């Protein structure tokens, strides 16, 4: 299954569990350590994919199999005699470093930049590429993900038009934007509800534009 199908099935199954169990959203959010119940609603509506650890907590809360909750065609019933995992055996989670900032002059995966580690499904990890999570800052992409979320970056130095990537502009901290190259210019487009976040247009002959990588997926804050 592709990521969108999995996300749709996850949201459908979570919605069903919450409704069938007449679950209090506030109590569920509190049990999971989530500050706002709106995050739960975003999970239910398929607008956000939670962290793997959150999926496991949800599965334990409703006493169901975590892999089933993720949308896979396995039995719903939880089996404590089998090691639970949010991915099937063929999609084992891979440990990926989380980077807080990317700036010029320091290697991306330098110790100073790594603030921790999270997991990514192996189906998103390709041979021959380097991967890392980048923590989102600001609200310039809040139609896709929010401040504090982590986006999985596949390290590469090119992007196709309308792909979302991490880009270093004139040596400043990397920004995550929708990318487009047109008529010799680079256009970085925000996807935001905040009108203060304007489209940025650069001439790469005058300002250094460096593509860091492509956004593959993201995880919301727990």
N, C-alpha and C. Protein backbone atom coordinates (compact mmCIF):
# COMPACT_ATOMS: atom_id res chain seq x y z
N UNK A 1 0.84 -1.20 0.00
CA UNK A 1 0.00 0.00 0.00
C UNK A 1 0.87 1.25 0.00
N UNK A 2 0.40 2.32 -0.69
CA UNK A 2 1.17 3.54 -0.63
C UNK A 2 0.81 4.33 0.64
N UNK A 3 1.61 5.39 0.92
CA UNK A 3 1.46 6.11 2.17
C UNK A 3 0.08 6.72 2.34
N UNK A 4 -0.53 7.23 1.25
CA UNK A 4 -1.83 7.88 1.37
C UNK A 4 -2.92 6.87 1.72
N UNK A 5 -2.85 5.68 1.14
CA UNK A 5 -3.83 4.64 1.46
C UNK A 5 -3.71 4.24 2.92
N UNK A 6 -2.46 4.07 3.38
CA UNK A 6 -2.23 3.72 4.79
C UNK A 6 -2.78 4.80 5.70
N UNK A 7 -2.50 6.08 5.39
CA UNK A 7 -2.99 7.18 6.22
C UNK A 7 -4.51 7.21 6.24
N UNK A 8 -5.15 6.98 5.09
CA UNK A 8 -6.62 6.97 5.02
C UNK A 8 -7.20 5.85 5.87
N UNK A 9 -6.60 4.66 5.79
CA UNK A 9 -7.10 3.53 6.58
C UNK A 9 -6.89 3.77 8.07
N UNK A 10 -5.72 4.34 8.42
CA UNK A 10 -5.46 4.66 9.82
C UNK A 10 -6.51 5.60 10.38
N UNK A 11 -6.80 6.68 9.64
CA UNK A 11 -7.77 7.67 10.12
C UNK A 11 -9.17 7.06 10.23
N UNK A 12 -9.53 6.21 9.26
CA UNK A 12 -10.84 5.55 9.30
C UNK A 12 -10.97 4.64 10.51
N UNK A 13 -9.92 3.88 10.79
CA UNK A 13 -9.97 2.93 11.90
C UNK A 13 -9.94 3.65 13.25
N UNK A 14 -9.15 4.72 13.34
CA UNK A 14 -9.13 5.50 14.58
C UNK A 14 -10.49 6.15 14.82
N UNK A 15 -11.08 6.72 13.77
CA UNK A 15 -12.40 7.35 13.87
C UNK A 15 -13.43 6.33 14.39
N UNK A 16 -13.38 5.12 13.82
CA UNK A 16 -14.32 4.06 14.21
C UNK A 16 -14.13 3.67 15.67
N UNK A 17 -12.88 3.52 16.11
CA UNK A 17 -12.61 3.14 17.50
C UNK A 17 -13.12 4.21 18.47
N UNK A 18 -12.87 5.46 18.12
CA UNK A 18 -13.29 6.56 19.00
C UNK A 18 -14.81 6.62 19.10
N UNK A 19 -15.51 6.46 17.98
CA UNK A 19 -16.97 6.53 17.98
C UNK A 19 -17.59 5.31 18.67
N UNK A 20 -17.08 4.12 18.36
CA UNK A 20 -17.66 2.90 18.93
C UNK A 20 -17.45 2.82 20.44
N UNK A 21 -16.36 3.41 20.92
CA UNK A 21 -16.07 3.38 22.35
C UNK A 21 -16.53 4.64 23.07
N UNK A 22 -17.22 5.51 22.31
CA UNK A 22 -17.72 6.76 22.88
C UNK A 22 -16.61 7.47 23.67
N UNK A 23 -15.46 7.59 23.02
CA UNK A 23 -14.25 8.10 23.67
C UNK A 23 -14.31 9.61 23.87
N UNK A 24 -13.96 10.06 25.05
CA UNK A 24 -13.83 11.49 25.33
C UNK A 24 -12.49 11.96 24.74
N UNK A 25 -12.56 12.86 23.76
CA UNK A 25 -11.35 13.31 23.06
C UNK A 25 -10.37 14.00 24.01
N UNK A 26 -10.90 14.78 24.94
CA UNK A 26 -10.03 15.46 25.91
C UNK A 26 -9.26 14.46 26.76
N UNK A 27 -9.96 13.41 27.21
CA UNK A 27 -9.31 12.39 28.04
C UNK A 27 -8.29 11.60 27.23
N UNK A 28 -8.62 11.33 25.96
CA UNK A 28 -7.69 10.61 25.10
C UNK A 28 -6.42 11.42 24.90
N UNK A 29 -6.57 12.71 24.61
CA UNK A 29 -5.42 13.59 24.40
C UNK A 29 -4.56 13.64 25.66
N UNK A 30 -5.21 13.73 26.81
CA UNK A 30 -4.48 13.78 28.09
C UNK A 30 -3.73 12.47 28.32
N UNK A 31 -4.36 11.34 28.02
CA UNK A 31 -3.72 10.02 28.22
C UNK A 31 -2.49 9.86 27.33
N UNK A 32 -2.53 10.47 26.14
CA UNK A 32 -1.41 10.37 25.20
C UNK A 32 -0.35 11.44 25.41
N UNK A 33 -0.64 12.40 26.30
CA UNK A 33 0.30 13.49 26.51
C UNK A 33 0.26 14.53 25.43
N UNK A 34 -0.88 14.62 24.72
CA UNK A 34 -1.04 15.60 23.65
C UNK A 34 -1.72 16.85 24.23
N UNK A 35 -1.15 18.01 23.96
CA UNK A 35 -1.64 19.24 24.58
C UNK A 35 -3.00 19.68 24.05
N UNK A 36 -3.26 19.46 22.78
CA UNK A 36 -4.51 19.95 22.18
C UNK A 36 -5.31 18.81 21.58
N UNK A 37 -6.61 18.81 21.85
CA UNK A 37 -7.47 17.76 21.27
C UNK A 37 -7.61 17.92 19.76
N UNK A 38 -7.27 19.11 19.24
CA UNK A 38 -7.36 19.32 17.79
C UNK A 38 -6.41 18.39 17.04
N UNK A 39 -5.31 17.99 17.70
CA UNK A 39 -4.38 17.05 17.08
C UNK A 39 -5.07 15.71 16.84
N UNK A 40 -5.88 15.27 17.82
CA UNK A 40 -6.63 14.01 17.67
C UNK A 40 -7.59 14.12 16.49
N UNK A 41 -8.27 15.26 16.37
CA UNK A 41 -9.20 15.45 15.25
C UNK A 41 -8.46 15.42 13.91
N UNK A 42 -7.24 15.93 13.89
CA UNK A 42 -6.46 15.90 12.66
C UNK A 42 -6.07 14.47 12.30
N UNK A 43 -5.78 13.66 13.32
CA UNK A 43 -5.54 12.24 13.06
C UNK A 43 -6.78 11.59 12.47
N UNK A 44 -7.95 11.88 13.06
CA UNK A 44 -9.20 11.27 12.64
C UNK A 44 -9.59 11.68 11.23
N UNK A 45 -9.23 12.91 10.85
CA UNK A 45 -9.59 13.43 9.53
C UNK A 45 -8.55 13.11 8.46
N UNK A 46 -7.49 12.41 8.84
CA UNK A 46 -6.46 12.07 7.87
C UNK A 46 -5.60 13.24 7.46
N UNK A 47 -5.53 14.27 8.31
CA UNK A 47 -4.74 15.45 7.98
C UNK A 47 -3.31 15.36 8.51
N UNK A 48 -3.07 14.42 9.41
CA UNK A 48 -1.76 14.32 10.04
C UNK A 48 -1.46 12.87 10.38
N UNK A 49 -0.23 12.47 10.16
CA UNK A 49 0.22 11.13 10.55
C UNK A 49 0.99 11.24 11.86
N UNK A 50 0.57 10.52 12.90
CA UNK A 50 1.29 10.61 14.18
C UNK A 50 2.60 9.86 14.15
N UNK A 51 3.40 10.07 15.17
CA UNK A 51 4.63 9.32 15.32
C UNK A 51 4.31 7.85 15.56
N UNK A 52 5.29 7.00 15.30
CA UNK A 52 5.13 5.57 15.53
C UNK A 52 4.80 5.30 17.00
N UNK A 53 5.48 6.01 17.90
CA UNK A 53 5.22 5.80 19.32
C UNK A 53 3.78 6.17 19.68
N UNK A 54 3.24 7.21 19.06
CA UNK A 54 1.86 7.61 19.32
C UNK A 54 0.90 6.53 18.83
N UNK A 55 1.18 5.94 17.68
CA UNK A 55 0.33 4.86 17.15
C UNK A 55 0.32 3.68 18.12
N UNK A 56 1.49 3.37 18.67
CA UNK A 56 1.56 2.28 19.64
C UNK A 56 0.76 2.61 20.90
N UNK A 57 0.82 3.87 21.37
CA UNK A 57 0.04 4.27 22.53
C UNK A 57 -1.46 4.18 22.24
N UNK A 58 -1.86 4.60 21.04
CA UNK A 58 -3.26 4.52 20.64
C UNK A 58 -3.73 3.07 20.61
N UNK A 59 -2.89 2.19 20.06
CA UNK A 59 -3.24 0.76 19.99
C UNK A 59 -3.41 0.18 21.39
N UNK A 60 -2.53 0.56 22.30
CA UNK A 60 -2.63 0.07 23.68
C UNK A 60 -3.88 0.63 24.36
N UNK A 61 -4.18 1.91 24.08
CA UNK A 61 -5.34 2.55 24.70
C UNK A 61 -6.64 1.83 24.32
N UNK A 62 -6.74 1.44 23.04
CA UNK A 62 -7.96 0.79 22.55
C UNK A 62 -7.83 -0.75 22.53
N UNK A 63 -6.67 -1.24 22.98
CA UNK A 63 -6.43 -2.68 23.06
C UNK A 63 -6.60 -3.36 21.70
N UNK A 64 -5.96 -2.77 20.68
CA UNK A 64 -5.98 -3.35 19.33
C UNK A 64 -4.54 -3.51 18.85
N UNK A 65 -4.37 -4.22 17.75
CA UNK A 65 -3.06 -4.43 17.16
C UNK A 65 -2.57 -3.15 16.47
N UNK A 66 -1.34 -2.75 16.76
CA UNK A 66 -0.81 -1.50 16.20
C UNK A 66 -0.67 -1.57 14.69
N UNK A 67 -0.29 -2.72 14.17
CA UNK A 67 -0.15 -2.87 12.72
C UNK A 67 -1.50 -2.76 12.03
N UNK A 68 -2.54 -3.33 12.66
CA UNK A 68 -3.91 -3.18 12.13
C UNK A 68 -4.31 -1.71 12.13
N UNK A 69 -4.02 -1.00 13.22
CA UNK A 69 -4.39 0.41 13.32
C UNK A 69 -3.70 1.24 12.24
N UNK A 70 -2.49 0.82 11.85
CA UNK A 70 -1.76 1.53 10.80
C UNK A 70 -2.38 1.35 9.42
N UNK A 71 -3.36 0.44 9.30
CA UNK A 71 -4.05 0.29 8.02
C UNK A 71 -3.75 -0.99 7.29
N UNK A 72 -2.94 -1.85 7.89
CA UNK A 72 -2.59 -3.09 7.22
C UNK A 72 -3.64 -4.18 7.47
N UNK A 73 -3.72 -5.12 6.55
CA UNK A 73 -4.72 -6.18 6.61
C UNK A 73 -4.23 -7.34 7.48
N UNK A 74 -4.24 -7.09 8.77
CA UNK A 74 -3.90 -8.10 9.78
C UNK A 74 -5.05 -8.13 10.78
N UNK A 75 -5.13 -9.16 11.63
CA UNK A 75 -6.21 -9.22 12.63
C UNK A 75 -6.21 -7.99 13.53
N UNK A 76 -7.39 -7.52 13.86
CA UNK A 76 -7.54 -6.35 14.72
C UNK A 76 -7.12 -6.65 16.16
N UNK A 77 -7.35 -7.90 16.60
CA UNK A 77 -7.12 -8.25 18.00
C UNK A 77 -5.64 -8.16 18.36
N UNK A 78 -5.39 -7.60 19.50
CA UNK A 78 -4.03 -7.49 20.00
C UNK A 78 -3.54 -8.85 20.48
N UNK A 79 -2.30 -9.20 20.11
CA UNK A 79 -1.71 -10.48 20.50
C UNK A 79 -0.44 -10.20 21.28
N UNK A 80 -0.53 -10.33 22.61
CA UNK A 80 0.61 -10.01 23.46
C UNK A 80 1.71 -11.06 23.40
N UNK A 81 1.44 -12.18 22.72
CA UNK A 81 2.46 -13.22 22.58
C UNK A 81 3.39 -12.95 21.40
N UNK A 82 3.02 -11.92 20.61
CA UNK A 82 3.83 -11.53 19.45
C UNK A 82 4.31 -10.11 19.68
N UNK A 83 5.58 -9.86 19.41
CA UNK A 83 6.12 -8.51 19.60
C UNK A 83 5.38 -7.53 18.70
N UNK A 84 4.76 -6.54 19.31
CA UNK A 84 3.97 -5.57 18.55
C UNK A 84 4.88 -4.59 17.83
N UNK A 85 4.48 -4.21 16.62
CA UNK A 85 5.25 -3.28 15.82
C UNK A 85 4.28 -2.51 14.95
N UNK A 86 4.55 -1.21 14.75
CA UNK A 86 3.65 -0.40 13.93
C UNK A 86 3.82 -0.66 12.45
N UNK A 87 4.76 -1.51 12.08
CA UNK A 87 4.98 -1.87 10.69
C UNK A 87 5.02 -3.38 10.56
N UNK A 88 4.59 -3.94 9.43
CA UNK A 88 4.73 -5.37 9.24
C UNK A 88 6.20 -5.74 9.15
N UNK A 89 6.51 -7.03 9.20
CA UNK A 89 7.90 -7.49 9.22
C UNK A 89 8.67 -6.96 8.02
N UNK A 90 7.99 -6.82 6.89
CA UNK A 90 8.67 -6.36 5.68
C UNK A 90 8.90 -4.85 5.68
N UNK A 91 8.42 -4.13 6.69
CA UNK A 91 8.56 -2.68 6.75
C UNK A 91 9.03 -2.25 8.13
N UNK A 92 10.21 -2.71 8.49
CA UNK A 92 10.76 -2.49 9.83
C UNK A 92 11.20 -1.03 9.97
N UNK A 93 10.88 -0.38 11.11
CA UNK A 93 11.30 1.00 11.30
C UNK A 93 12.82 1.16 11.28
N UNK A 94 13.27 2.25 10.67
CA UNK A 94 14.70 2.56 10.60
C UNK A 94 14.96 3.82 11.45
N UNK A 95 16.05 3.79 12.20
CA UNK A 95 16.42 4.91 13.06
C UNK A 95 17.05 6.02 12.22
N UNK A 96 16.51 7.23 12.36
CA UNK A 96 16.93 8.36 11.54
C UNK A 96 17.23 9.55 12.45
N UNK A 97 18.34 10.27 12.24
CA UNK A 97 18.65 11.42 13.09
C UNK A 97 17.70 12.58 12.85
N UNK A 98 17.42 13.32 13.92
CA UNK A 98 16.60 14.53 13.83
C UNK A 98 17.52 15.74 13.93
N UNK A 99 17.46 16.60 12.92
CA UNK A 99 18.31 17.79 12.86
C UNK A 99 17.46 19.02 13.19
N UNK A 100 17.97 19.84 14.09
CA UNK A 100 17.22 21.04 14.47
C UNK A 100 17.36 22.15 13.46
N UNK A 101 18.58 22.38 12.98
CA UNK A 101 18.84 23.46 12.03
C UNK A 101 19.86 23.01 11.00
N UNK A 102 19.78 23.61 9.81
CA UNK A 102 20.80 23.43 8.78
C UNK A 102 21.30 24.81 8.38
N UNK A 103 22.58 25.05 8.50
CA UNK A 103 23.14 26.33 8.10
C UNK A 103 24.47 26.09 7.40
N UNK A 104 24.97 27.12 6.76
CA UNK A 104 26.21 26.99 6.00
C UNK A 104 27.39 26.79 6.94
N UNK A 105 28.39 26.03 6.46
CA UNK A 105 29.64 25.91 7.20
C UNK A 105 29.72 24.75 8.16
N UNK A 106 28.63 24.01 8.36
CA UNK A 106 28.65 22.88 9.28
C UNK A 106 27.96 21.69 8.62
N UNK A 107 28.60 20.52 8.61
CA UNK A 107 27.95 19.35 8.00
C UNK A 107 26.58 19.10 8.60
N UNK A 108 25.62 18.70 7.75
CA UNK A 108 24.24 18.52 8.19
C UNK A 108 24.15 17.58 9.38
N UNK A 109 24.87 16.47 9.31
CA UNK A 109 24.75 15.46 10.37
C UNK A 109 25.88 15.57 11.38
N UNK A 110 26.42 16.79 11.55
CA UNK A 110 27.38 17.03 12.60
C UNK A 110 26.70 16.83 13.96
N UNK A 111 27.48 16.40 14.93
CA UNK A 111 26.92 16.13 16.27
C UNK A 111 26.18 17.34 16.82
N UNK A 112 26.68 18.53 16.53
CA UNK A 112 26.06 19.75 17.05
C UNK A 112 24.64 19.95 16.52
N UNK A 113 24.36 19.39 15.33
CA UNK A 113 23.06 19.60 14.71
C UNK A 113 22.03 18.56 15.12
N UNK A 114 22.48 17.37 15.54
CA UNK A 114 21.55 16.27 15.83
C UNK A 114 20.98 16.44 17.24
N UNK A 115 19.65 16.51 17.32
CA UNK A 115 19.00 16.69 18.61
C UNK A 115 18.35 15.41 19.12
N UNK A 116 18.41 14.35 18.34
CA UNK A 116 17.83 13.08 18.77
C UNK A 116 17.59 12.18 17.56
N UNK A 117 16.80 11.14 17.77
CA UNK A 117 16.52 10.18 16.71
C UNK A 117 15.04 9.81 16.74
N UNK A 118 14.47 9.57 15.56
CA UNK A 118 13.12 9.05 15.42
C UNK A 118 13.18 7.91 14.40
N UNK A 119 12.03 7.25 14.21
CA UNK A 119 11.99 6.13 13.28
C UNK A 119 11.24 6.49 12.01
N UNK A 120 11.64 5.87 10.92
CA UNK A 120 10.96 6.00 9.63
C UNK A 120 10.73 4.61 9.07
N UNK A 121 9.61 4.38 8.36
CA UNK A 121 9.38 3.05 7.77
C UNK A 121 10.42 2.75 6.70
N UNK A 122 10.88 1.50 6.66
CA UNK A 122 11.93 1.13 5.71
C UNK A 122 11.47 1.29 4.27
N UNK A 123 10.15 1.28 4.02
CA UNK A 123 9.64 1.45 2.66
C UNK A 123 9.95 2.84 2.11
N UNK A 124 10.25 3.80 3.00
CA UNK A 124 10.57 5.15 2.57
C UNK A 124 12.08 5.38 2.43
N UNK A 125 12.86 4.38 2.80
CA UNK A 125 14.32 4.51 2.78
C UNK A 125 14.89 3.75 1.59
N UNK A 126 15.52 4.47 0.67
CA UNK A 126 16.10 3.86 -0.52
C UNK A 126 17.60 3.72 -0.37
N UNK A 127 18.12 2.65 -0.97
CA UNK A 127 19.57 2.45 -0.99
C UNK A 127 20.25 3.58 -1.76
N UNK A 128 21.39 4.02 -1.25
CA UNK A 128 22.18 5.03 -1.95
C UNK A 128 21.87 6.46 -1.55
N UNK A 129 20.88 6.66 -0.66
CA UNK A 129 20.53 8.01 -0.21
C UNK A 129 20.79 8.14 1.30
N UNK A 130 21.01 9.36 1.73
CA UNK A 130 21.10 9.70 3.15
C UNK A 130 19.78 10.32 3.57
N UNK A 131 19.31 9.97 4.77
CA UNK A 131 18.03 10.48 5.26
C UNK A 131 18.20 11.11 6.64
N UNK A 132 17.41 12.13 6.88
CA UNK A 132 17.36 12.72 8.21
C UNK A 132 16.02 13.43 8.37
N UNK A 133 15.62 13.64 9.61
CA UNK A 133 14.44 14.45 9.90
C UNK A 133 14.89 15.87 10.18
N UNK A 134 14.13 16.84 9.69
CA UNK A 134 14.38 18.25 9.97
C UNK A 134 13.17 18.80 10.72
N UNK A 135 13.43 19.46 11.85
CA UNK A 135 12.32 19.99 12.63
C UNK A 135 11.83 21.31 12.03
N UNK A 136 10.51 21.39 11.82
CA UNK A 136 9.90 22.56 11.17
C UNK A 136 9.88 23.74 12.13
N UNK A 137 10.25 24.90 11.60
CA UNK A 137 10.19 26.15 12.37
C UNK A 137 9.25 27.12 11.67
N UNK A 138 8.41 27.78 12.44
CA UNK A 138 7.50 28.78 11.87
C UNK A 138 6.25 28.15 11.27
N UNK A 139 5.41 29.01 10.67
CA UNK A 139 4.10 28.57 10.16
C UNK A 139 3.98 28.70 8.65
N UNK A 140 5.11 28.79 7.94
CA UNK A 140 5.05 29.04 6.50
C UNK A 140 4.55 27.85 5.69
N UNK A 141 4.46 26.66 6.33
CA UNK A 141 3.96 25.47 5.63
C UNK A 141 2.84 24.80 6.43
N UNK A 142 2.08 25.59 7.19
CA UNK A 142 1.12 24.98 8.12
C UNK A 142 -0.10 24.35 7.45
N UNK A 143 -0.23 24.48 6.14
CA UNK A 143 -1.27 23.73 5.44
C UNK A 143 -0.83 22.27 5.22
N UNK A 144 0.45 22.02 5.41
CA UNK A 144 0.99 20.66 5.27
C UNK A 144 1.45 20.11 6.61
N UNK A 145 2.19 20.91 7.37
CA UNK A 145 2.67 20.49 8.68
C UNK A 145 2.91 21.72 9.53
N UNK A 146 2.97 21.51 10.85
CA UNK A 146 3.03 22.61 11.80
C UNK A 146 4.41 22.78 12.41
N UNK A 147 4.59 23.92 13.06
CA UNK A 147 5.85 24.17 13.76
C UNK A 147 6.09 23.06 14.79
N UNK A 148 7.30 22.55 14.81
CA UNK A 148 7.65 21.48 15.74
C UNK A 148 7.53 20.10 15.14
N UNK A 149 6.76 19.95 14.04
CA UNK A 149 6.69 18.66 13.35
C UNK A 149 8.07 18.34 12.75
N UNK A 150 8.30 17.08 12.45
CA UNK A 150 9.55 16.70 11.79
C UNK A 150 9.24 16.16 10.41
N UNK A 151 10.02 16.61 9.42
CA UNK A 151 9.83 16.17 8.04
C UNK A 151 11.02 15.29 7.66
N UNK A 152 10.71 14.17 6.99
CA UNK A 152 11.76 13.25 6.55
C UNK A 152 12.35 13.77 5.24
N UNK A 153 13.66 14.01 5.26
CA UNK A 153 14.35 14.56 4.10
C UNK A 153 15.22 13.48 3.44
N UNK A 154 15.04 13.33 2.13
CA UNK A 154 15.94 12.50 1.34
C UNK A 154 17.00 13.42 0.74
N UNK A 155 18.24 13.22 1.14
CA UNK A 155 19.32 14.11 0.72
C UNK A 155 19.53 14.02 -0.79
N UNK A 156 19.40 15.15 -1.48
CA UNK A 156 19.64 15.24 -2.92
C UNK A 156 19.80 16.71 -3.27
N UNK A 157 20.43 16.99 -4.40
CA UNK A 157 20.73 18.38 -4.74
C UNK A 157 19.87 18.91 -5.88
N UNK A 158 18.80 18.17 -6.23
CA UNK A 158 17.86 18.65 -7.25
C UNK A 158 16.44 18.39 -6.78
N UNK A 159 15.53 19.19 -7.31
CA UNK A 159 14.09 19.02 -7.07
C UNK A 159 13.34 19.24 -8.36
N UNK A 160 12.24 18.53 -8.53
CA UNK A 160 11.33 18.79 -9.64
C UNK A 160 10.40 19.93 -9.25
N UNK A 161 9.86 20.61 -10.25
CA UNK A 161 8.91 21.69 -9.96
C UNK A 161 7.73 21.16 -9.14
N UNK A 162 7.34 21.95 -8.15
CA UNK A 162 6.21 21.68 -7.24
C UNK A 162 6.50 20.59 -6.21
N UNK A 163 7.74 20.12 -6.13
CA UNK A 163 8.11 19.25 -5.02
C UNK A 163 8.45 20.10 -3.80
N UNK A 164 8.24 19.56 -2.62
CA UNK A 164 8.58 20.26 -1.38
C UNK A 164 9.95 19.81 -0.94
N UNK A 165 10.79 20.78 -0.63
CA UNK A 165 12.16 20.43 -0.25
C UNK A 165 12.71 21.36 0.80
N UNK A 166 13.91 21.01 1.27
CA UNK A 166 14.66 21.86 2.19
C UNK A 166 15.71 22.59 1.38
N UNK A 167 15.70 23.91 1.44
CA UNK A 167 16.58 24.73 0.60
C UNK A 167 17.34 25.72 1.46
N UNK A 168 18.62 25.85 1.19
CA UNK A 168 19.46 26.82 1.90
C UNK A 168 19.59 28.06 1.02
N UNK A 169 19.16 29.20 1.54
CA UNK A 169 19.17 30.45 0.78
C UNK A 169 20.25 31.38 1.32
N UNK A 170 21.24 31.66 0.48
CA UNK A 170 22.30 32.62 0.82
C UNK A 170 22.99 32.27 2.14
N UNK A 171 23.12 30.97 2.43
CA UNK A 171 23.84 30.53 3.62
C UNK A 171 23.07 30.61 4.91
N UNK A 172 21.82 31.08 4.87
CA UNK A 172 21.01 31.16 6.09
C UNK A 172 20.43 29.79 6.42
N UNK A 173 19.73 29.70 7.54
CA UNK A 173 19.11 28.43 7.93
C UNK A 173 18.21 27.92 6.83
N UNK A 174 18.20 26.60 6.66
CA UNK A 174 17.40 25.99 5.58
C UNK A 174 15.92 26.25 5.79
N UNK A 175 15.23 26.50 4.70
CA UNK A 175 13.79 26.70 4.72
C UNK A 175 13.11 25.55 3.99
N UNK A 176 11.92 25.18 4.44
CA UNK A 176 11.14 24.13 3.77
C UNK A 176 10.03 24.81 2.98
N UNK A 177 10.03 24.63 1.67
CA UNK A 177 9.06 25.30 0.81
C UNK A 177 8.76 24.43 -0.42
N UNK A 178 7.67 24.77 -1.13
CA UNK A 178 7.41 24.18 -2.44
C UNK A 178 8.35 24.86 -3.44
N UNK A 179 9.02 24.06 -4.25
CA UNK A 179 10.09 24.56 -5.12
C UNK A 179 9.62 24.64 -6.58
N UNK A 180 10.10 25.67 -7.25
CA UNK A 180 9.87 25.76 -8.69
C UNK A 180 11.01 26.55 -9.33
N UNK A 181 11.50 26.08 -10.49
CA UNK A 181 12.51 26.80 -11.27
C UNK A 181 11.86 27.22 -12.57
N UNK A 182 11.91 28.53 -12.87
CA UNK A 182 11.19 29.06 -14.03
C UNK A 182 11.88 30.30 -14.57
N UNK A 183 12.18 30.31 -15.87
CA UNK A 183 12.78 31.47 -16.52
C UNK A 183 14.07 31.92 -15.83
N UNK A 184 14.86 30.96 -15.40
CA UNK A 184 16.13 31.28 -14.77
C UNK A 184 16.02 31.71 -13.32
N UNK A 185 14.82 31.68 -12.77
CA UNK A 185 14.60 32.08 -11.38
C UNK A 185 14.19 30.88 -10.54
N UNK A 186 14.44 30.98 -9.25
CA UNK A 186 13.98 29.97 -8.28
C UNK A 186 12.85 30.57 -7.47
N UNK A 187 11.72 29.86 -7.43
CA UNK A 187 10.54 30.34 -6.72
C UNK A 187 10.27 29.40 -5.56
N UNK A 188 10.24 29.96 -4.36
CA UNK A 188 9.95 29.18 -3.15
C UNK A 188 8.60 29.62 -2.62
N UNK A 189 7.65 28.69 -2.65
CA UNK A 189 6.27 29.02 -2.33
C UNK A 189 5.85 28.46 -0.97
N UNK A 190 5.38 29.33 -0.06
CA UNK A 190 4.85 28.83 1.21
C UNK A 190 3.48 28.19 1.00
N UNK A 191 3.06 27.34 1.91
CA UNK A 191 1.72 26.76 1.89
C UNK A 191 1.15 27.03 3.27
N UNK A 192 0.60 28.25 3.44
CA UNK A 192 0.30 28.74 4.78
C UNK A 192 -1.02 29.48 4.84
N UNK A 193 -1.61 29.46 6.02
CA UNK A 193 -2.82 30.26 6.28
C UNK A 193 -2.45 31.68 6.68
N UNK A 194 -1.16 31.92 6.89
CA UNK A 194 -0.70 33.24 7.32
C UNK A 194 -0.28 34.05 6.09
N UNK A 195 -1.01 35.13 5.76
CA UNK A 195 -0.69 35.92 4.56
C UNK A 195 0.67 36.61 4.62
N UNK A 196 1.26 36.65 5.82
CA UNK A 196 2.58 37.28 5.95
C UNK A 196 3.67 36.44 5.29
N UNK A 197 3.37 35.18 5.05
CA UNK A 197 4.34 34.30 4.39
C UNK A 197 4.18 34.43 2.88
N UNK A 198 5.04 35.21 2.27
CA UNK A 198 4.92 35.51 0.84
C UNK A 198 5.82 34.59 0.01
N UNK A 199 5.48 34.50 -1.28
CA UNK A 199 6.31 33.77 -2.24
C UNK A 199 7.67 34.46 -2.32
N UNK A 200 8.73 33.66 -2.34
CA UNK A 200 10.09 34.18 -2.44
C UNK A 200 10.66 33.86 -3.82
N UNK A 201 11.18 34.87 -4.52
CA UNK A 201 11.72 34.70 -5.86
C UNK A 201 13.18 35.13 -5.86
N UNK A 202 14.05 34.23 -6.34
CA UNK A 202 15.48 34.50 -6.30
C UNK A 202 16.12 34.27 -7.67
N UNK A 203 17.14 35.07 -7.94
CA UNK A 203 17.99 34.85 -9.10
C UNK A 203 19.23 34.10 -8.62
N UNK A 204 19.37 32.81 -8.96
CA UNK A 204 20.49 32.02 -8.44
C UNK A 204 21.86 32.51 -8.91
N UNK A 205 21.89 33.44 -9.89
CA UNK A 205 23.16 34.03 -10.32
C UNK A 205 23.62 35.10 -9.34
N UNK A 206 22.67 35.61 -8.55
CA UNK A 206 23.00 36.68 -7.61
C UNK A 206 22.95 36.23 -6.15
N UNK A 207 22.12 35.23 -5.85
CA UNK A 207 21.98 34.71 -4.49
C UNK A 207 22.19 33.20 -4.52
N UNK A 208 23.00 32.72 -3.61
CA UNK A 208 23.31 31.29 -3.58
C UNK A 208 22.10 30.49 -3.10
N UNK A 209 21.63 29.58 -3.95
CA UNK A 209 20.51 28.71 -3.62
C UNK A 209 21.02 27.26 -3.64
N UNK A 210 20.92 26.59 -2.50
CA UNK A 210 21.42 25.22 -2.41
C UNK A 210 20.29 24.29 -1.95
N UNK A 211 19.96 23.33 -2.79
CA UNK A 211 18.94 22.34 -2.43
C UNK A 211 19.57 21.30 -1.51
N UNK A 212 18.96 21.11 -0.35
CA UNK A 212 19.45 20.14 0.63
C UNK A 212 18.84 18.77 0.39
N UNK A 213 17.54 18.76 0.07
CA UNK A 213 16.89 17.47 -0.14
C UNK A 213 15.40 17.61 -0.34
N UNK A 214 14.76 16.48 -0.54
CA UNK A 214 13.33 16.40 -0.83
C UNK A 214 12.58 15.89 0.39
N UNK A 215 11.43 16.51 0.69
CA UNK A 215 10.58 16.06 1.78
C UNK A 215 9.82 14.80 1.34
N UNK A 216 9.99 13.73 2.09
CA UNK A 216 9.36 12.44 1.77
C UNK A 216 8.07 12.25 2.56
N UNK A 217 8.09 12.62 3.84
CA UNK A 217 6.91 12.47 4.71
C UNK A 217 7.14 13.32 5.93
N UNK A 218 6.20 13.29 6.86
CA UNK A 218 6.40 14.05 8.09
C UNK A 218 5.69 13.33 9.24
N UNK A 219 6.08 13.70 10.45
CA UNK A 219 5.45 13.20 11.66
C UNK A 219 5.07 14.40 12.52
N UNK A 220 3.83 14.37 13.01
CA UNK A 220 3.36 15.43 13.90
C UNK A 220 3.88 15.26 15.30
N UNK A 221 3.82 16.34 16.07
CA UNK A 221 4.25 16.29 17.46
C UNK A 221 3.30 15.40 18.25
N UNK A 222 3.86 14.66 19.18
CA UNK A 222 3.01 13.87 20.07
C UNK A 222 2.35 14.81 21.08
